[in-house]
Protein backbone atom coordinates (compact mmCIF):
# COMPACT_ATOMS: atom_id res chain seq x y z
CA MET A 1 45.90 -116.33 173.93
CA LYS A 2 43.00 -113.96 174.40
CA ARG A 3 39.95 -113.76 172.15
CA ASP A 4 40.94 -110.41 170.61
CA GLU A 5 44.42 -111.80 169.81
CA LEU A 6 42.86 -114.82 168.12
CA MET A 7 40.47 -112.61 166.14
CA TRP A 8 43.40 -110.43 164.99
CA PHE A 9 45.37 -113.51 163.94
CA LEU A 10 42.46 -115.07 162.04
CA ARG A 11 41.63 -111.84 160.23
CA ARG A 12 45.20 -111.62 158.89
CA TYR A 13 44.48 -114.61 156.68
CA LYS A 14 42.09 -115.31 153.82
CA LEU A 15 42.71 -119.02 153.27
CA ALA A 16 42.39 -122.11 155.44
CA VAL A 17 42.94 -125.80 154.89
CA GLN A 18 39.65 -127.52 155.62
CA ALA A 19 39.74 -131.13 156.76
CA THR A 20 36.64 -133.31 156.83
CA VAL A 21 35.79 -136.98 156.67
CA THR A 22 33.66 -138.63 154.00
CA PRO A 23 30.72 -140.81 155.06
CA ASP A 24 32.91 -143.89 154.53
CA GLY A 25 35.63 -142.48 156.82
CA THR A 26 38.08 -141.26 154.18
CA PRO A 27 39.85 -138.01 155.10
CA GLN A 28 39.41 -135.12 152.69
CA ALA A 29 41.09 -131.72 152.52
CA ALA A 30 40.33 -128.55 150.60
CA VAL A 31 41.53 -124.96 150.66
CA VAL A 32 38.76 -122.47 151.39
CA GLY A 33 38.64 -118.70 151.44
CA PHE A 34 37.11 -117.68 154.75
CA ALA A 35 36.01 -114.73 156.82
CA VAL A 36 35.62 -114.54 160.60
CA SER A 37 32.62 -112.90 162.25
CA ASP A 38 32.63 -110.87 165.46
CA GLU A 39 31.04 -113.94 167.08
CA LEU A 40 34.17 -116.00 166.22
CA GLU A 41 32.43 -117.94 163.47
CA ILE A 42 34.33 -119.01 160.38
CA VAL A 43 32.33 -118.36 157.19
CA PHE A 44 32.94 -119.57 153.64
CA ASP A 45 30.94 -120.24 150.51
CA THR A 46 30.77 -123.39 148.43
CA VAL A 47 28.61 -125.10 145.85
CA GLU A 48 26.15 -127.57 147.37
CA THR A 49 27.20 -130.38 145.04
CA THR A 50 30.90 -130.25 145.91
CA ARG A 51 32.45 -133.09 147.85
CA LYS A 52 33.35 -130.79 150.76
CA CYS A 53 29.76 -129.58 151.08
CA LEU A 54 28.31 -133.08 150.85
CA ASN A 55 30.80 -134.30 153.46
CA LEU A 56 29.80 -131.47 155.84
CA ARG A 57 26.12 -132.24 155.41
CA ALA A 58 26.80 -135.89 156.23
CA ASP A 59 29.08 -135.10 159.20
CA PRO A 60 29.32 -131.44 160.28
CA ARG A 61 32.52 -131.87 162.31
CA ILE A 62 35.32 -129.88 160.72
CA ALA A 63 38.94 -128.90 161.33
CA LEU A 64 40.61 -125.83 159.86
CA VAL A 65 44.31 -124.93 159.78
CA ILE A 66 45.07 -121.25 159.39
CA GLY A 67 48.31 -119.32 159.09
CA TRP A 68 51.10 -121.67 158.12
CA ASP A 69 53.57 -118.92 157.27
CA ASP A 70 56.22 -117.85 159.78
CA ALA A 71 55.78 -121.22 161.57
CA ILE A 72 52.70 -119.99 163.45
CA THR A 73 49.38 -121.75 163.05
CA VAL A 74 45.93 -121.88 164.53
CA GLN A 75 44.04 -125.12 164.29
CA LEU A 76 40.30 -124.97 164.92
CA GLU A 77 37.86 -127.77 165.39
CA GLY A 78 34.19 -127.04 165.24
CA VAL A 79 30.76 -127.82 163.92
CA ALA A 80 29.52 -126.57 160.56
CA ASP A 81 25.98 -125.62 159.69
CA PHE A 82 24.11 -123.98 156.83
CA PRO A 83 22.12 -121.05 158.25
CA THR A 84 18.94 -119.70 156.69
CA GLY A 85 16.91 -116.53 157.06
CA PRO A 86 18.37 -113.68 159.13
CA GLU A 87 21.34 -115.80 160.28
CA LEU A 88 22.28 -116.49 156.66
CA GLU A 89 22.03 -112.78 155.85
CA ARG A 90 24.24 -111.93 158.85
CA ILE A 91 27.02 -114.36 157.95
CA GLN A 92 26.81 -113.40 154.27
CA GLN A 93 27.45 -109.77 155.21
CA CYS A 94 30.54 -110.88 157.14
CA TYR A 95 31.72 -112.89 154.14
CA PHE A 96 30.98 -110.11 151.63
CA ALA A 97 32.97 -107.63 153.74
CA ALA A 98 36.04 -109.85 153.23
CA TYR A 99 35.13 -110.98 149.69
CA PRO A 100 33.09 -108.35 147.80
CA ASP A 101 33.07 -110.64 144.75
CA GLY A 102 31.14 -113.15 146.87
CA ARG A 103 27.98 -111.27 145.93
CA ASP A 104 28.61 -112.16 142.29
CA ARG A 105 28.89 -115.84 143.20
CA LEU A 106 25.32 -115.74 144.55
CA THR A 107 24.24 -116.09 140.92
CA TRP A 108 25.99 -119.45 140.65
CA PRO A 109 23.67 -122.47 140.75
CA GLY A 110 23.74 -124.14 144.17
CA ILE A 111 25.95 -121.63 145.99
CA THR A 112 25.61 -121.82 149.76
CA HIS A 113 27.34 -120.39 152.81
CA VAL A 114 28.78 -122.46 155.62
CA ARG A 115 29.21 -121.27 159.21
CA VAL A 116 31.67 -123.03 161.51
CA ARG A 117 31.34 -122.52 165.24
CA PRO A 118 34.68 -123.47 166.81
CA THR A 119 34.70 -125.73 169.85
CA TRP A 120 38.46 -126.07 170.29
CA VAL A 121 41.47 -123.94 169.31
CA ARG A 122 45.16 -124.79 169.22
CA TYR A 123 47.73 -122.04 168.75
CA SER A 124 51.25 -123.14 167.78
CA ASP A 125 54.24 -120.83 167.55
CA PHE A 126 57.33 -122.65 166.34
CA THR A 127 59.37 -119.43 165.99
CA GLN A 128 60.12 -119.39 169.70
CA ASP A 129 62.27 -121.68 171.80
CA PRO A 130 60.77 -123.66 173.38
CA GLN A 131 57.80 -124.12 171.08
CA LEU A 132 54.64 -122.56 172.43
CA VAL A 133 51.48 -124.58 172.01
CA GLU A 134 48.30 -123.46 173.66
CA GLU A 135 45.09 -125.45 173.52
CA LEU A 136 41.86 -123.76 174.49
CA THR A 137 38.18 -124.40 174.36
CA VAL A 138 36.08 -121.55 173.01
CA GLU A 139 34.70 -121.05 176.52
CA GLN A 140 38.23 -120.41 177.79
CA LEU A 141 38.70 -117.81 175.06
CA THR A 142 35.63 -115.90 176.17
CA THR A 143 36.77 -115.86 179.80
CA GLY A 144 40.53 -115.56 179.26
């Protein structure tokens, strides 16, 4: 899979299943609405007091599953952060392009934006025989 193919696939979807681990090691999952930047960053908003946000602040490792229809999925693993300043403005613009109502949520108390920089990608296509599974690092996507 090439980078432009992955970007096309990711941009077809608006929702992802986010998996994180609590500080005590308990797995947690949530559905998040996300956007993808030209830099292959996954962006979503959340309220700072939510369990998913607190978990990411305690341990920024994250997994996302995207595109479970048609038996094709992309699983991403990466590291989350909470940008500030110009980086926050840049990722917000990406998010607002996908979710114009995201601007309205800026008035909510404690709203924040999360950026996930993928480190590993797995593409699974179970519509073909045999099943195609391709695992790539982000570096391989930029060179492949």
